Every structure is written in structure tokens, then in C-alpha cells.
C-alpha atoms as a PDB file:
ATOM      1  CA  MET A   1     387.915  60.322 155.310  1.00  0.00           C
ATOM      2  CA  GLU A   2     389.729  61.003 152.029  1.00  0.00           C
ATOM      3  CA  GLN A   3     389.668  57.285 151.259  1.00  0.00           C
ATOM      4  CA  VAL A   4     385.864  57.279 151.320  1.00  0.00           C
ATOM      5  CA  ILE A   5     385.608  60.362 149.106  1.00  0.00           C
ATOM      6  CA  THR A   6     388.149  59.020 146.586  1.00  0.00           C
ATOM      7  CA  LYS A   7     386.549  55.582 146.476  1.00  0.00           C
ATOM      8  CA  ARG A   8     383.309  57.084 145.209  1.00  0.00           C
ATOM      9  CA  ARG A   9     384.920  59.487 142.743  1.00  0.00           C
ATOM     10  CA  TYR A  10     383.472  57.549 139.836  1.00  0.00           C
ATOM     11  CA  TYR A  11     380.020  58.853 140.798  1.00  0.00           C
ATOM     12  CA  ASP A  12     381.212  62.420 140.367  1.00  0.00           C
ATOM     13  CA  ILE A  13     382.871  61.535 137.044  1.00  0.00           C
ATOM     14  CA  GLY A  14     379.730  59.685 135.959  1.00  0.00           C
ATOM     15  CA  LEU A  15     377.587  62.741 136.667  1.00  0.00           C
ATOM     16  CA  GLN A  16     380.008  64.952 134.730  1.00  0.00           C
ATOM     17  CA  ILE A  17     379.899  62.592 131.747  1.00  0.00           C
ATOM     18  CA  GLU A  18     376.103  62.495 131.941  1.00  0.00           C
ATOM     19  CA  GLN A  19     375.887  66.293 131.950  1.00  0.00           C
ATOM     20  CA  LEU A  20     378.220  66.366 128.958  1.00  0.00           C
ATOM     21  CA  LEU A  21     376.018  63.912 127.065  1.00  0.00           C
ATOM     22  CA  TYR A  22     372.817  65.861 127.650  1.00  0.00           C
ATOM     23  CA  SER A  23     374.423  69.225 126.949  1.00  0.00           C
ATOM     24  CA  GLY A  24     374.182  68.511 123.233  1.00  0.00           C
ATOM     25  CA  VAL A  25     377.846  67.708 122.647  1.00  0.00           C
ATOM     26  CA  PHE A  26     376.895  64.166 121.629  1.00  0.00           C
ATOM     27  CA  LYS A  27     373.836  62.910 119.768  1.00  0.00           C
ATOM     28  CA  ALA A  28     371.974  59.670 120.450  1.00  0.00           C
ATOM     29  CA  GLY A  29     373.786  56.747 118.857  1.00  0.00           C
ATOM     30  CA  GLU A  30     377.094  58.607 118.641  1.00  0.00           C
ATOM     31  CA  ARG A  31     380.310  56.973 119.820  1.00  0.00           C
ATOM     32  CA  LEU A  32     382.098  58.577 122.768  1.00  0.00           C
ATOM     33  CA  PRO A  33     385.850  59.090 123.093  1.00  0.00           C
ATOM     34  CA  SER A  34     387.865  56.128 124.385  1.00  0.00           C
ATOM     35  CA  GLU A  35     388.413  55.449 128.089  1.00  0.00           C
ATOM     36  CA  ARG A  36     391.932  56.852 127.754  1.00  0.00           C
ATOM     37  CA  GLU A  37     390.661  60.092 126.207  1.00  0.00           C
ATOM     38  CA  LEU A  38     387.935  60.423 128.833  1.00  0.00           C
ATOM     39  CA  SER A  39     390.421  59.861 131.641  1.00  0.00           C
ATOM     40  CA  GLU A  40     392.588  62.656 130.237  1.00  0.00           C
ATOM     41  CA  ARG A  41     389.598  64.937 129.767  1.00  0.00           C
ATOM     42  CA  PHE A  42     388.400  64.500 133.356  1.00  0.00           C
ATOM     43  CA  ASN A  43     391.898  64.239 134.857  1.00  0.00           C
ATOM     44  CA  THR A  44     391.278  60.873 136.488  1.00  0.00           C
ATOM     45  CA  SER A  45     392.319  57.243 136.114  1.00  0.00           C
ATOM     46  CA  ARG A  46     390.987  54.879 133.457  1.00  0.00           C
ATOM     47  CA  THR A  47     389.708  52.634 136.247  1.00  0.00           C
ATOM     48  CA  THR A  48     387.555  55.479 137.587  1.00  0.00           C
ATOM     49  CA  VAL A  49     386.257  56.219 134.075  1.00  0.00           C
ATOM     50  CA  ARG A  50     385.459  52.527 133.569  1.00  0.00           C
ATOM     51  CA  GLU A  51     383.442  52.427 136.809  1.00  0.00           C
ATOM     52  CA  ALA A  52     381.619  55.622 135.815  1.00  0.00           C
ATOM     53  CA  ILE A  53     380.733  54.050 132.460  1.00  0.00           C
ATOM     54  CA  ILE A  54     379.337  50.969 134.223  1.00  0.00           C
ATOM     55  CA  MET A  55     377.189  53.260 136.385  1.00  0.00           C
ATOM     56  CA  LEU A  56     375.840  55.019 133.273  1.00  0.00           C
ATOM     57  CA  GLU A  57     375.209  51.663 131.616  1.00  0.00           C
ATOM     58  CA  LEU A  58     373.016  50.695 134.574  1.00  0.00           C
ATOM     59  CA  LYS A  59     371.131  53.974 134.171  1.00  0.00           C
ATOM     60  CA  GLY A  60     370.509  53.139 130.504  1.00  0.00           C
ATOM     61  CA  ILE A  61     372.475  56.119 129.198  1.00  0.00           C
ATOM     62  CA  LEU A  62     375.456  54.321 127.653  1.00  0.00           C
ATOM     63  CA  ILE A  63     376.075  51.000 125.952  1.00  0.00           C
ATOM     64  CA  VAL A  64     379.502  49.429 125.508  1.00  0.00           C
ATOM     65  CA  LYS A  65     379.858  47.381 122.318  1.00  0.00           C
ATOM     66  CA  GLN A  66     382.760  44.956 122.332  1.00  0.00           C
ATOM     67  CA  GLY A  67     385.365  46.071 119.804  1.00  0.00           C
ATOM     68  CA  ALA A  68     383.284  49.068 118.706  1.00  0.00           C
ATOM     69  CA  GLY A  69     383.376  51.483 121.644  1.00  0.00           C
ATOM     70  CA  ILE A  70     381.101  53.378 124.021  1.00  0.00           C
ATOM     71  CA  PHE A  71     377.837  54.753 122.649  1.00  0.00           C
ATOM     72  CA  PHE A  72     375.349  57.307 123.951  1.00  0.00           C
ATOM     73  CA  ILE A  73     371.761  56.055 124.203  1.00  0.00           C
ATOM     74  CA  ASP A  74     368.925  58.553 124.370  1.00  0.00           C
ATOM     75  CA  SER A  75     366.504  56.096 125.931  1.00  0.00           C
ATOM     76  CA  THR A  76     363.690  58.668 126.124  1.00  0.00           C
ATOM     77  CA  SER A  77     361.821  58.986 122.855  1.00  0.00           C
ATOM     78  CA  LYS A  78     360.177  62.204 121.712  1.00  0.00           C
ATOM     79  CA  HIS A  79     356.806  60.691 122.568  1.00  0.00           C
ATOM     80  CA  ASP A  80     357.979  59.856 126.098  1.00  0.00           C
ATOM     81  CA  GLN A  81     359.414  63.336 126.556  1.00  0.00           C
ATOM     82  CA  LYS A  82     355.983  64.799 125.847  1.00  0.00           C
ATOM     83  CA  ALA A  83     354.231  62.290 128.095  1.00  0.00           C
ATOM     84  CA  LEU A  84     356.551  62.635 131.092  1.00  0.00           C
ATOM     85  CA  MET A  85     357.033  65.917 132.928  1.00  0.00           C
ATOM     86  CA  PRO A  86     360.701  66.938 133.277  1.00  0.00           C
ATOM     87  CA  TYR A  87     362.087  66.694 136.799  1.00  0.00           C
ATOM     88  CA  SER A  88     362.733  70.439 136.738  1.00  0.00           C
ATOM     89  CA  GLU A  89     358.967  71.021 136.623  1.00  0.00           C
ATOM     90  CA  ILE A  90     358.081  68.720 139.528  1.00  0.00           C
ATOM     91  CA  GLY A  91     357.893  70.322 142.964  1.00  0.00           C
ATOM     92  CA  PRO A  92     360.194  69.236 145.820  1.00  0.00           C
ATOM     93  CA  PHE A  93     357.366  67.903 147.994  1.00  0.00           C
ATOM     94  CA  GLU A  94     356.210  65.513 145.283  1.00  0.00           C
ATOM     95  CA  LEU A  95     359.790  64.389 144.665  1.00  0.00           C
ATOM     96  CA  LEU A  96     360.365  63.822 148.380  1.00  0.00           C
ATOM     97  CA  GLN A  97     357.174  61.802 148.620  1.00  0.00           C
ATOM     98  CA  ALA A  98     358.332  59.546 145.782  1.00  0.00           C
ATOM     99  CA  ARG A  99     361.741  59.156 147.348  1.00  0.00           C
ATOM    100  CA  GLN A 100     360.186  58.322 150.703  1.00  0.00           C
ATOM    101  CA  VAL A 101     358.019  55.543 149.268  1.00  0.00           C
ATOM    102  CA  ILE A 102     360.718  53.993 147.089  1.00  0.00           C
ATOM    103  CA  GLU A 103     363.885  54.556 149.084  1.00  0.00           C
ATOM    104  CA  SER A 104     362.494  53.328 152.389  1.00  0.00           C
ATOM    105  CA  ASN A 105     361.659  50.008 150.747  1.00  0.00           C
ATOM    106  CA  ILE A 106     365.077  49.841 149.103  1.00  0.00           C
ATOM    107  CA  THR A 107     366.653  50.350 152.533  1.00  0.00           C
ATOM    108  CA  GLY A 108     364.438  47.667 154.054  1.00  0.00           C
ATOM    109  CA  PHE A 109     365.499  45.167 151.405  1.00  0.00           C
ATOM    110  CA  ALA A 110     369.149  46.236 151.722  1.00  0.00           C
ATOM    111  CA  ALA A 111     369.025  45.157 155.381  1.00  0.00           C
ATOM    112  CA  THR A 112     368.527  41.560 154.244  1.00  0.00           C
ATOM    113  CA  GLN A 113     371.356  41.657 151.694  1.00  0.00           C
ATOM    114  CA  ILE A 114     374.023  44.001 153.056  1.00  0.00           C
ATOM    115  CA  ARG A 115     377.590  42.725 153.431  1.00  0.00           C
ATOM    116  CA  PHE A 116     380.157  43.467 156.111  1.00  0.00           C
ATOM    117  CA  ASN A 117     382.405  45.530 153.821  1.00  0.00           C
ATOM    118  CA  GLU A 118     379.460  47.769 152.917  1.00  0.00           C
ATOM    119  CA  LEU A 119     378.715  48.350 156.596  1.00  0.00           C
ATOM    120  CA  LEU A 120     382.346  49.366 157.064  1.00  0.00           C
ATOM    121  CA  GLU A 121     382.029  51.868 154.200  1.00  0.00           C
ATOM    122  CA  LEU A 122     378.893  53.341 155.743  1.00  0.00           C
ATOM    123  CA  LYS A 123     380.639  53.665 159.099  1.00  0.00           C
ATOM    124  CA  LYS A 124     383.527  55.574 157.480  1.00  0.00           C
ATOM    125  CA  ILE A 125     381.071  57.922 155.796  1.00  0.00           C
ATOM    126  CA  LEU A 126     379.353  58.661 159.113  1.00  0.00           C
ATOM    127  CA  SER A 127     382.727  59.547 160.638  1.00  0.00           C
ATOM    128  CA  ALA A 128     383.545  61.790 157.678  1.00  0.00           C
ATOM    129  CA  GLN A 129     380.159  63.522 157.841  1.00  0.00           C
ATOM    130  CA  GLU A 130     380.702  64.279 161.520  1.00  0.00           C
ATOM    131  CA  LYS A 131     383.896  66.148 160.623  1.00  0.00           C
ATOM    132  CA  PHE A 132     382.033  68.262 158.063  1.00  0.00           C
ATOM    133  CA  LEU A 133     379.141  69.338 160.309  1.00  0.00           C
ATOM    134  CA  SER A 134     380.438  72.903 160.223  1.00  0.00           C
ATOM    135  CA  GLY A 135     382.518  72.613 157.081  1.00  0.00           C
ATOM    136  CA  ASP A 136     382.277  72.346 153.327  1.00  0.00           C
ATOM    137  CA  SER A 137     378.654  71.977 152.145  1.00  0.00           C
ATOM    138  CA  ASP A 138     379.615  70.258 148.890  1.00  0.00           C
ATOM    139  CA  LYS A 139     381.674  67.625 150.699  1.00  0.00           C
ATOM    140  CA  PHE A 140     378.863  66.978 153.176  1.00  0.00           C
ATOM    141  CA  GLU A 141     376.471  66.645 150.233  1.00  0.00           C
ATOM    142  CA  ASN A 142     378.835  64.270 148.442  1.00  0.00           C
ATOM    143  CA  LEU A 143     379.082  62.078 151.541  1.00  0.00           C
ATOM    144  CA  ASP A 144     375.288  62.097 151.809  1.00  0.00           C
ATOM    145  CA  HIS A 145     375.104  60.849 148.218  1.00  0.00           C
ATOM    146  CA  GLN A 146     377.668  58.134 148.925  1.00  0.00           C
ATOM    147  CA  PHE A 147     375.717  56.948 151.983  1.00  0.00           C
ATOM    148  CA  HIS A 148     372.472  56.441 150.082  1.00  0.00           C
ATOM    149  CA  THR A 149     374.235  54.977 147.052  1.00  0.00           C
ATOM    150  CA  ILE A 150     375.983  52.280 149.087  1.00  0.00           C
ATOM    151  CA  ILE A 151     372.643  51.280 150.609  1.00  0.00           C
ATOM    152  CA  ALA A 152     371.132  50.891 147.138  1.00  0.00           C
ATOM    153  CA  GLU A 153     374.160  48.893 145.974  1.00  0.00           C
ATOM    154  CA  ALA A 154     373.764  46.632 149.007  1.00  0.00           C
ATOM    155  CA  THR A 155     370.508  45.303 147.498  1.00  0.00           C
ATOM    156  CA  GLN A 156     372.635  43.772 144.693  1.00  0.00           C
ATOM    157  CA  ASN A 157     369.660  44.478 142.436  1.00  0.00           C
ATOM    158  CA  ARG A 158     370.519  46.541 139.346  1.00  0.00           C
ATOM    159  CA  VAL A 159     366.960  47.782 138.892  1.00  0.00           C
ATOM    160  CA  LEU A 160     366.861  49.140 142.444  1.00  0.00           C
ATOM    161  CA  ILE A 161     370.355  50.630 142.107  1.00  0.00           C
ATOM    162  CA  LYS A 162     369.279  52.399 138.934  1.00  0.00           C
ATOM    163  CA  GLN A 163     366.034  53.590 140.542  1.00  0.00           C
ATOM    164  CA  ALA A 164     367.895  55.044 143.520  1.00  0.00           C
ATOM    165  CA  ALA A 165     370.337  56.852 141.230  1.00  0.00           C
ATOM    166  CA  GLU A 166     367.451  58.221 139.185  1.00  0.00           C
ATOM    167  CA  LEU A 167     365.684  59.501 142.305  1.00  0.00           C
ATOM    168  CA  TRP A 168     368.811  61.282 143.498  1.00  0.00           C
ATOM    169  CA  ARG A 169     369.239  62.880 140.083  1.00  0.00           C
ATOM    170  CA  ALA A 170     365.580  63.936 140.078  1.00  0.00           C
ATOM    171  CA  VAL A 171     365.676  65.548 143.501  1.00  0.00           C
ATOM    172  CA  ARG A 172     369.232  66.801 143.909  1.00  0.00           C
ATOM    173  CA  THR A 173     370.611  67.315 140.412  1.00  0.00           C
ATOM    174  CA  GLU A 174     367.862  68.305 137.995  1.00  0.00           C
ATOM    175  CA  ASN A 175     365.422  70.285 140.116  1.00  0.00           C
ATOM    176  CA  PRO A 176     366.466  73.962 140.339  1.00  0.00           C
ATOM    177  CA  ARG A 177     364.014  74.820 143.117  1.00  0.00           C
ATOM    178  CA  TRP A 178     365.277  71.987 145.310  1.00  0.00           C
ATOM    179  CA  LYS A 179     368.896  72.974 144.664  1.00  0.00           C
ATOM    180  CA  LYS A 180     368.077  76.539 145.685  1.00  0.00           C
ATOM    181  CA  LEU A 181     366.495  75.338 148.925  1.00  0.00           C
ATOM    182  CA  ASN A 182     369.262  72.856 149.583  1.00  0.00           C
ATOM    183  CA  TYR A 183     372.015  75.447 149.436  1.00  0.00           C
ATOM    184  CA  LYS A 184     370.072  78.289 151.035  1.00  0.00           C
ATOM    185  CA  TYR A 185     368.563  76.481 154.007  1.00  0.00           C
ATOM    186  CA  LEU A 186     369.324  72.807 154.369  1.00  0.00           C
ATOM    187  CA  HIS A 187     373.020  72.970 155.194  1.00  0.00           C
ATOM    188  CA  GLU A 188     372.725  74.728 158.525  1.00  0.00           C
ATOM    189  CA  LYS A 189     374.638  72.941 161.261  1.00  0.00           C
ATOM    190  CA  HIS A 190     371.607  71.912 163.317  1.00  0.00           C
ATOM    191  CA  LEU A 191     370.056  70.338 160.240  1.00  0.00           C
ATOM    192  CA  ARG A 192     373.257  68.519 159.340  1.00  0.00           C
ATOM    193  CA  MET A 193     373.294  67.145 162.879  1.00  0.00           C
ATOM    194  CA  GLN A 194     369.728  65.895 162.341  1.00  0.00           C
ATOM    195  CA  TRP A 195     370.627  64.204 159.041  1.00  0.00           C
ATOM    196  CA  LEU A 196     373.686  62.603 160.632  1.00  0.00           C
ATOM    197  CA  GLU A 197     371.613  61.259 163.507  1.00  0.00           C
ATOM    198  CA  ASP A 198     369.091  59.897 160.985  1.00  0.00           C
ATOM    199  CA  HIS A 199     371.923  58.205 159.086  1.00  0.00           C
ATOM    200  CA  ARG A 200     373.170  56.616 162.300  1.00  0.00           C
ATOM    201  CA  ARG A 201     369.723  55.136 162.962  1.00  0.00           C
ATOM    202  CA  ILE A 202     369.629  53.736 159.431  1.00  0.00           C
ATOM    203  CA  PHE A 203     373.124  52.296 159.878  1.00  0.00           C
ATOM    204  CA  LEU A 204     372.223  50.597 163.166  1.00  0.00           C
ATOM    205  CA  ALA A 205     369.133  49.026 161.590  1.00  0.00           C
ATOM    206  CA  LEU A 206     371.223  47.762 158.666  1.00  0.00           C
ATOM    207  CA  GLN A 207     373.850  46.458 161.087  1.00  0.00           C
ATOM    208  CA  GLN A 208     371.125  44.483 162.863  1.00  0.00           C
ATOM    209  CA  LYS A 209     369.864  43.226 159.466  1.00  0.00           C
ATOM    210  CA  ASP A 210     366.358  44.272 160.528  1.00  0.00           C
ATOM    211  CA  PRO A 211     364.320  45.175 157.398  1.00  0.00           C
ATOM    212  CA  ALA A 212     361.360  46.653 159.290  1.00  0.00           C
ATOM    213  CA  LEU A 213     363.585  48.851 161.443  1.00  0.00           C
ATOM    214  CA  ALA A 214     365.664  49.915 158.429  1.00  0.00           C
ATOM    215  CA  ARG A 215     362.544  50.790 156.441  1.00  0.00           C
ATOM    216  CA  GLU A 216     361.185  52.848 159.335  1.00  0.00           C
ATOM    217  CA  ALA A 217     364.516  54.637 159.897  1.00  0.00           C
ATOM    218  CA  SER A 218     364.726  55.578 156.226  1.00  0.00           C
ATOM    219  CA  TRP A 219     361.097  56.734 156.177  1.00  0.00           C
ATOM    220  CA  ARG A 220     361.691  58.858 159.275  1.00  0.00           C
ATOM    221  CA  HIS A 221     364.829  60.403 157.753  1.00  0.00           C
ATOM    222  CA  LEU A 222     362.889  61.615 154.726  1.00  0.00           C
ATOM    223  CA  GLU A 223     359.940  62.627 156.900  1.00  0.00           C
ATOM    224  CA  ASN A 224     362.300  64.879 158.845  1.00  0.00           C
ATOM    225  CA  SER A 225     363.525  66.401 155.580  1.00  0.00           C
ATOM    226  CA  LYS A 226     359.951  66.996 154.488  1.00  0.00           C
ATOM    227  CA  ASN A 227     359.017  68.607 157.821  1.00  0.00           C
ATOM    228  CA  GLU A 228     361.955  71.006 157.566  1.00  0.00           C
ATOM    229  CA  LEU A 229     360.850  71.914 154.073  1.00  0.00           C
ATOM    230  CA  VAL A 230     357.315  72.546 155.344  1.00  0.00           C
ATOM    231  CA  ASN A 231     358.695  74.920 157.982  1.00  0.00           C
ATOM    232  CA  ILE A 232     360.682  76.782 155.354  1.00  0.00           C
ATOM    233  CA  PHE A 233     357.636  76.938 153.097  1.00  0.00           C
ATOM    234  CA  LYS A 234     355.566  78.512 155.875  1.00  0.00           C
ATOM    235  CA  GLN A 235     358.208  81.071 156.861  1.00  0.00           C
ATOM    236  CA  ASP A 236     359.542  82.235 153.498  1.00  0.00           C
ATOM    237  CA  SER A 237     357.065  83.954 151.184  1.00  0.00           C
ATOM    238  CA  SER A 238     359.607  83.959 148.346  1.00  0.00           C
ATOM    239  CA  ILE A 239     358.991  80.234 147.742  1.00  0.00           C
ATOM    240  CA  SER A 240     355.196  80.388 147.948  1.00  0.00           C
ATOM    241  CA  ASP A 241     354.965  79.537 144.256  1.00  0.00           C
ATOM    242  CA  PHE A 242     355.377  75.832 145.060  1.00  0.00           C
ATOM    243  CA  ASP A 243     352.259  74.214 143.670  1.00  0.00           C
ATOM    244  CA  ASP A 244     352.909  70.777 145.154  1.00  0.00           C
ATOM    245  CA  PHE A 245     352.278  71.511 148.850  1.00  0.00           C
ATOM    246  CA  PHE A 246     349.446  69.007 148.366  1.00  0.00           C
ATOM    247  CA  PHE A 247     352.117  66.271 148.586  1.00  0.00           C
ATOM    248  CA  ALA A 248     353.490  67.482 151.907  1.00  0.00           C
ATOM    249  CA  SER A 249     350.990  65.540 154.008  1.00  0.00           C
END
């Protein structure tokens, strides 16, 4: 269990570096500290920092220039920032709908490309999630992230990997209303059991290398999440300000 969590530590470090970049500490075009300095700052190995930097390169946030260092790229221009609504202003139903359309197809394609070692990693994550059904919410969430990330990586397509990472950030990291719901409602044991069962169905479809079955299992997983959110929406008047219920159907 710990091996799985440690192996994906670079994702956590990558997210911490990303938050640091967008907090205003660094400006676009500015050089970051060296790998050694970053490893000391985040109390982790240089190898983990290097993998985190590669992840952020794929997301278009950093660029590594040989002999010059690591540089922060603000790939969103002022014009684009005005044209595109921030994730924090997009409702959870609309975000889930986008994830359902895109991620189910990523999973379907992953079924045709996935390797044996990636299936073994997914199996370890399922075992770890089972142990956290009644335990630490953050660890269960981290394992959930690892599960979906490995599936995206199994496509071996950098565009799809980046898209999956962006979707996770949009839904789970940068949307305050979703985060509130996630921690208030969506970590109850019976719901964790549902997500785990959904993950098992996805795993079995990937194991069979069946793209149609994998796509359907992924779609159903997110449909279940959406249905739970609909139930919460109907029962809790405190979240009735969601203006994107239109996207729930």
C-alpha cells in the first residue's frame, strides 16, 4: 500500500510546485530554483522533483532549457483569461459532464494500449483503497487520483495525459464548490464502496483489453458520481445556488 502511495508522490509535489507558481511567487518567464533546491524545499528526493517537473512540462506550465534551468511559462495570455471562464466559476455538474465525455474515451483507448505493469499498479491501488474505506479521506482521494492518472498514462499519448490532468485539476483542485461537496458528502463509506466497485469494473475491462467495455465502465462510474450529486442537490437547500443543474441530465 505504501509503495503505491510513494510511487506517485511526484504528483503531490507537482501540484505543490504548481500552486507555488500561481501564487505569485514567480512571474512568467522567471527561472525556478534548481532541482536540488526544490528537493530541499519540498523535503523529497531530486528524482521525485525531476518527475514532477516532467509532469508540469506536459501540462505546459514549465520548460526546461538545457544549461539554463527551469522556467515558468504562463501559457494563458490576458486575452485568453478574459475569454475563458475560470474553473472556480464553473459548476460541478458541467465539470462532471466534461469529464464524463472526455475521460470515458480516454479509458476506452487506454484499454487498447495498457501494459501489464500498469495493470499491476491499478490492482495495488484497488487493494489500498479497500483498506481506506473507513479511513483517511485524503489518502482515499490520493489513491483515486492515482487510479485515474495511471489509466491516462496507459494511453501513452501526452495530449491525453495532459487533458486528464487538467480535468482533475478543474474538478478536484480549483473548484471550491466541488471541494466543499467532496469533503462534506462524498467520502461516506457507502459511497466509497460504490467508487471502489466502479473502479473494479473499469479494471476488469482494462484487463480484458476491451475498449467498449472500458468506455462504458468509466461512463457509468461518472454517471454514479453525478447521480449522487443530484441527490445531494435535491436534499440540501444550502447548495441551491448551483446554476448548472442544466448539465445534470
